Amino acid sequence: MNKSNFFLLASLVLLASCYSSRKVQVIQDALSKKDTVQYKAISEITKIDSGAIVSGIVNKIATTKLDFNTMNARVKVNYETVNKSDVYIANISIEKGKNIYITVRGAMGVIGLKTIITKDSVILVFPLNKKVERRPLSYIQEALKIPFTYSMLEDLIVGNPIFMEEAQIVGYKMNNNKLQVGLAGKLFKNLISISEDNAKVLHLKLDDIDINQHRTCDITYTDHVPALQNQFPLNRDIAIAAQSRLEIHMEIKEYTFNEPLKYTFAIPKPGKRR
């Protein structure tokens, strides 16, 4: 695959993710008055330290994901690399746990790429030259240098947090009335910024623990809307740096959950096997 097509695929699957260690401090002011059921009258709970409270907030965000059966979305994508910039429309359909369908339309509505991602494979269809490439899922992992699983790719697309469940809290502080938490996992160090109602992640910064890898990812989520009793970010700004740099702005124009798949397609035969 040439570099242009790689960045198209990368910008679609990287829809969201992504340290700093600070001294532990009391964060009662970080707890929103709206969160009265679980964190009511924090000043009265003198036996619970602030570290336990922060842990509870982080665990809740990490495990309370937007749960769905199907998703359809129309997304405007602006991306820029050191050599190229472009704007295109991506139509996405997801059948949870099974398939992710992606169709990329460039200028004048011309389809430049179709992709089906399954639990163990990636199928790339290039309609303009009638070429089909079949790759293992590890192709995405190797290309992006990040160990994405299939379920993690689904989480990225719908805006669910990743690389949080098994990470340890190493520090936290208040910044502009928002709670910032530093996390350390097996592969990455994370700095997350949490909304004032403690319900969603507004910003994540991921840095590789192995400094020789030089992998970083910076992502901001904005314009959240209610969806399936959770929060769904309509706009996302992503900056990824490894051997090269990729910047993406994603704007979700249309979306539905738990409705029939809208953007599926068949794979042409015979295909070129790689």
Protein backbone atom coordinates (compact mmCIF):
# COMPACT_ATOMS: atom_id res chain seq x y z
CA MET A 1 0.00 0.00 0.00
CA ASN A 2 1.35 3.44 -0.84
CA LYS A 3 1.79 6.11 1.83
CA SER A 4 -1.30 8.06 0.79
CA ASN A 5 -3.61 5.08 1.21
CA PHE A 6 -1.94 4.16 4.50
CA PHE A 7 -2.76 7.57 5.96
CA LEU A 8 -6.34 7.27 4.79
CA LEU A 9 -6.72 3.98 6.64
CA ALA A 10 -4.79 5.22 9.66
CA SER A 11 -6.93 8.31 10.06
CA LEU A 12 -10.10 6.21 9.99
CA VAL A 13 -9.12 3.59 12.55
CA LEU A 14 -7.48 6.10 14.87
CA LEU A 15 -10.66 7.83 16.04
CA ALA A 16 -9.61 8.48 19.44
CA SER A 17 -6.84 7.58 22.40
CA CYS A 18 -4.27 8.28 23.91
CA TYR A 19 1.46 11.22 31.55
CA SER A 20 2.52 13.12 33.67
CA SER A 21 3.08 12.25 37.28
CA ARG A 22 2.06 14.76 39.95
CA LYS A 23 1.98 14.84 43.74
CA VAL A 24 -1.27 13.53 45.19
CA GLN A 25 -3.49 16.31 46.47
CA VAL A 26 -7.01 16.59 47.86
CA ILE A 27 -9.50 17.00 44.99
CA GLN A 28 -12.84 17.50 46.62
CA ASP A 29 -13.49 20.48 44.32
CA ALA A 30 -13.10 18.16 41.33
CA LEU A 31 -16.31 16.35 42.18
CA SER A 32 -19.32 17.88 40.53
CA LYS A 33 -22.40 18.75 42.53
CA LYS A 34 -24.38 16.96 39.82
CA ASP A 35 -22.83 13.63 40.78
CA THR A 36 -24.78 13.55 44.04
CA VAL A 37 -25.76 9.88 44.05
CA GLN A 38 -22.29 8.39 44.18
CA TYR A 39 -20.25 11.27 45.56
CA LYS A 40 -22.74 13.15 47.70
CA ALA A 41 -21.37 15.45 50.40
CA ILE A 42 -17.71 14.56 49.92
CA SER A 43 -16.75 16.81 52.83
CA GLU A 44 -18.67 14.47 55.12
CA ILE A 45 -16.90 11.34 53.92
CA THR A 46 -13.78 11.93 55.96
CA LYS A 47 -12.76 8.29 56.04
CA ILE A 48 -12.29 8.03 52.28
CA ASP A 49 -9.14 9.68 50.94
CA SER A 50 -9.00 11.58 47.70
CA GLY A 51 -6.99 8.86 45.98
CA ALA A 52 -9.84 6.40 46.38
CA ILE A 53 -12.28 8.97 44.98
CA VAL A 54 -10.12 9.58 41.91
CA SER A 55 -9.76 5.83 41.40
CA GLY A 56 -13.53 5.46 41.47
CA ILE A 57 -14.00 8.20 38.86
CA VAL A 58 -11.39 6.72 36.52
CA ASN A 59 -12.70 3.18 36.88
CA LYS A 60 -16.24 4.34 36.16
CA ILE A 61 -15.18 6.11 32.97
CA ALA A 62 -13.00 3.19 31.83
CA THR A 63 -15.73 0.58 32.29
CA THR A 64 -18.91 2.51 31.44
CA LYS A 65 -18.67 2.34 27.68
CA LEU A 66 -21.13 3.23 24.98
CA ASP A 67 -22.71 -0.16 24.33
CA PHE A 68 -24.30 -0.87 20.94
CA ASN A 69 -25.16 -3.61 18.48
CA THR A 70 -24.77 -1.68 15.21
CA MET A 71 -23.58 1.77 14.21
CA ASN A 72 -23.73 3.82 11.01
CA ALA A 73 -21.86 7.11 10.59
CA ARG A 74 -20.98 9.67 7.94
CA VAL A 75 -17.73 11.43 8.87
CA LYS A 76 -15.89 14.38 7.37
CA VAL A 77 -12.14 13.91 7.77
CA ASN A 78 -9.41 16.53 7.35
CA TYR A 79 -5.95 15.06 7.59
CA GLU A 80 -2.43 16.42 7.20
CA THR A 81 1.00 14.82 7.09
CA VAL A 82 4.41 16.36 6.45
CA ASN A 83 3.90 15.76 2.71
CA LYS A 84 0.17 15.83 2.10
CA SER A 85 -3.19 17.17 3.25
CA ASP A 86 -6.66 16.20 2.13
CA VAL A 87 -10.37 16.24 2.95
CA TYR A 88 -12.68 13.31 2.39
CA ILE A 89 -15.91 11.69 3.55
CA ALA A 90 -15.91 8.30 5.25
CA ASN A 91 -19.04 6.18 5.55
CA ILE A 92 -18.76 3.65 8.37
CA SER A 93 -20.95 0.72 9.43
CA ILE A 94 -20.16 -1.52 12.39
CA GLU A 95 -21.69 -4.84 13.32
CA LYS A 96 -20.34 -5.15 16.84
CA GLY A 97 -17.90 -7.97 17.36
CA LYS A 98 -17.98 -8.96 13.69
CA ASN A 99 -17.24 -6.41 10.97
CA ILE A 100 -16.26 -2.78 10.43
CA TYR A 101 -17.08 -1.44 6.94
CA ILE A 102 -15.41 1.78 5.76
CA THR A 103 -15.91 3.56 2.42
CA VAL A 104 -13.76 6.61 1.64
CA ARG A 105 -14.94 9.20 -0.90
CA GLY A 106 -12.61 11.91 -2.12
CA ALA A 107 -13.12 14.85 -4.43
CA MET A 108 -16.24 14.78 -6.61
CA GLY A 109 -17.57 11.85 -4.59
CA VAL A 110 -15.18 9.34 -6.14
CA ILE A 111 -14.64 6.24 -3.99
CA GLY A 112 -10.91 5.77 -3.40
CA LEU A 113 -10.90 3.01 -0.79
CA LYS A 114 -13.16 0.43 0.80
CA THR A 115 -12.15 -1.54 3.87
CA ILE A 116 -13.61 -4.40 5.85
CA ILE A 117 -12.00 -5.10 9.23
CA THR A 118 -12.84 -8.35 11.02
CA LYS A 119 -11.50 -9.99 14.18
CA ASP A 120 -8.58 -11.47 12.28
CA SER A 121 -8.28 -9.74 8.92
CA VAL A 122 -8.25 -6.50 6.94
CA ILE A 123 -9.58 -6.43 3.37
CA LEU A 124 -8.66 -3.38 1.28
CA VAL A 125 -10.54 -2.67 -1.95
CA PHE A 126 -9.25 -0.04 -4.42
CA PRO A 127 -12.12 0.52 -6.90
CA LEU A 128 -10.13 2.80 -9.23
CA ASN A 129 -7.64 0.10 -10.17
CA LYS A 130 -9.91 -2.84 -9.28
CA LYS A 131 -7.41 -4.24 -6.79
CA VAL A 132 -8.15 -6.17 -3.60
CA GLU A 133 -5.63 -6.80 -0.84
CA ARG A 134 -6.20 -9.20 2.05
CA ARG A 135 -4.10 -8.79 5.20
CA PRO A 136 -4.13 -10.19 8.75
CA LEU A 137 -5.32 -7.87 11.52
CA SER A 138 -1.68 -7.59 12.60
CA TYR A 139 -1.23 -5.43 9.48
CA ILE A 140 -2.88 -2.52 11.29
CA GLN A 141 -0.83 -3.20 14.42
CA GLU A 142 2.42 -3.24 12.45
CA ALA A 143 1.55 -0.23 10.31
CA LEU A 144 0.51 1.98 13.22
CA LYS A 145 2.97 0.48 15.74
CA ILE A 146 0.18 0.20 18.31
CA PRO A 147 -1.23 -3.20 19.44
CA PHE A 148 -4.88 -2.63 18.52
CA THR A 149 -7.30 -5.51 18.94
CA TYR A 150 -10.52 -5.65 16.94
CA SER A 151 -12.64 -4.62 19.94
CA MET A 152 -10.27 -1.73 20.60
CA LEU A 153 -10.78 -0.48 17.04
CA GLU A 154 -14.53 -0.48 17.64
CA ASP A 155 -13.98 1.50 20.85
CA LEU A 156 -11.85 4.02 18.96
CA ILE A 157 -14.53 4.62 16.38
CA VAL A 158 -17.39 5.13 18.84
CA GLY A 159 -15.29 7.24 21.23
CA ASN A 160 -14.93 4.77 24.09
CA PRO A 161 -11.75 5.10 26.20
CA ILE A 162 -8.89 2.68 25.56
CA PHE A 163 -5.68 1.73 27.39
CA MET A 164 -7.30 2.64 30.72
CA GLU A 165 -8.66 -0.52 32.34
CA GLU A 166 -5.34 -2.05 33.45
CA ALA A 167 -3.45 1.22 33.97
CA GLN A 168 -2.37 2.40 37.42
CA ILE A 169 -2.96 5.93 38.71
CA VAL A 170 0.38 7.65 39.29
CA GLY A 171 -0.85 11.17 40.03
CA TYR A 172 -3.64 13.70 39.72
CA LYS A 173 -4.34 17.42 40.06
CA MET A 174 -6.89 20.12 39.28
CA ASN A 175 -6.39 22.26 36.18
CA ASN A 176 -8.96 24.93 35.24
CA ASN A 177 -11.58 23.21 37.40
CA LYS A 178 -11.04 19.92 35.58
CA LEU A 179 -9.47 16.81 37.00
CA GLN A 180 -6.29 15.58 35.32
CA VAL A 181 -5.10 12.06 36.03
CA GLY A 182 -1.79 10.44 35.12
CA LEU A 183 -1.92 6.72 34.34
CA ALA A 184 0.78 4.15 33.63
CA GLY A 185 0.09 0.86 31.85
CA LYS A 186 2.28 -1.86 30.41
CA LEU A 187 2.87 -0.06 27.14
CA PHE A 188 1.80 3.56 27.55
CA LYS A 189 1.74 6.47 29.96
CA ASN A 190 -1.49 8.47 29.78
CA LEU A 191 -2.60 11.89 30.89
CA ILE A 192 -6.38 12.28 30.77
CA SER A 193 -8.48 15.38 31.38
CA ILE A 194 -11.98 14.69 32.71
CA SER A 195 -15.09 16.84 32.36
CA GLU A 196 -16.42 18.80 35.35
CA ASP A 197 -19.26 16.33 35.80
CA ASN A 198 -16.71 13.48 35.95
CA ALA A 199 -18.61 11.64 33.23
CA LYS A 200 -16.35 11.77 30.16
CA VAL A 201 -12.81 12.19 28.93
CA LEU A 202 -12.18 15.50 27.16
CA HIS A 203 -8.52 15.01 26.32
CA LEU A 204 -6.02 12.15 26.31
CA LYS A 205 -2.28 12.09 25.77
CA LEU A 206 -0.52 8.80 25.23
CA ASP A 207 3.27 8.39 25.44
CA ASP A 208 5.17 5.16 24.92
CA ILE A 209 6.85 3.82 28.04
CA ASP A 210 9.70 2.69 25.78
CA ILE A 211 11.27 6.03 24.86
CA ASN A 212 13.05 4.38 21.93
CA GLN A 213 9.68 3.88 20.22
CA HIS A 214 8.94 7.63 20.10
CA ARG A 215 5.17 6.97 19.85
CA THR A 216 2.78 9.69 21.03
CA CYS A 217 -0.89 10.36 20.47
CA ASP A 218 -2.81 13.47 21.48
CA ILE A 219 -6.60 13.56 21.14
CA THR A 220 -9.32 16.02 22.08
CA TYR A 221 -13.05 15.15 22.19
CA THR A 222 -15.65 17.93 21.88
CA ASP A 223 -19.35 18.44 21.17
CA HIS A 224 -20.62 15.48 23.17
CA VAL A 225 -24.23 14.48 22.67
CA PRO A 226 -26.36 11.94 24.59
CA ALA A 227 -26.36 8.51 22.95
CA LEU A 228 -27.46 5.15 24.36
CA GLN A 229 -27.42 6.52 27.93
CA ASN A 230 -23.85 7.68 27.47
CA GLN A 231 -21.91 10.50 25.77
CA PHE A 232 -20.85 10.49 22.12
CA PRO A 233 -18.25 13.04 20.88
CA LEU A 234 -19.10 14.47 17.46
CA ASN A 235 -15.76 16.26 16.92
CA ARG A 236 -12.27 14.89 17.50
CA ASP A 237 -8.81 16.35 16.93
CA ILE A 238 -5.99 13.83 16.81
CA ALA A 239 -2.22 14.22 16.48
CA ILE A 240 -0.11 11.09 16.09
CA ALA A 241 3.67 11.00 15.97
CA ALA A 242 5.92 8.00 15.45
CA GLN A 243 8.33 7.80 12.49
CA SER A 244 6.13 10.48 10.91
CA ARG A 245 3.36 12.81 11.99
CA LEU A 246 -0.35 12.69 11.24
CA GLU A 247 -2.94 15.30 12.24
CA ILE A 248 -6.66 14.61 11.86
CA HIS A 249 -9.86 16.55 12.45
CA MET A 250 -12.98 14.40 12.40
CA GLU A 251 -16.50 15.74 12.28
CA ILE A 252 -19.38 13.29 12.52
CA LYS A 253 -22.15 14.58 10.26
CA GLU A 254 -24.68 11.79 10.67
CA TYR A 255 -24.93 8.74 12.91
CA THR A 256 -27.32 6.07 14.12
CA PHE A 257 -27.06 3.25 16.63
CA ASN A 258 -28.86 -0.10 16.65
CA GLU A 259 -30.37 0.32 13.20
CA PRO A 260 -29.80 -1.86 10.10
CA LEU A 261 -26.33 -1.58 8.57
CA LYS A 262 -26.26 1.12 5.87
CA TYR A 263 -22.78 1.10 4.33
CA THR A 264 -21.96 -2.56 3.72
CA PHE A 265 -20.55 -3.84 0.44
CA ALA A 266 -19.41 -7.05 -1.21
CA ILE A 267 -15.80 -7.91 -1.98
CA PRO A 268 -15.03 -8.17 -5.71
CA LYS A 269 -13.69 -11.51 -6.97
CA PRO A 270 -11.13 -12.60 -7.80
CA GLY A 271 -8.93 -10.49 -5.50
CA LYS A 272 -5.25 -9.94 -5.32
CA ARG A 273 -3.86 -11.86 -2.35
CA ARG A 274 -0.96 -10.30 -0.49
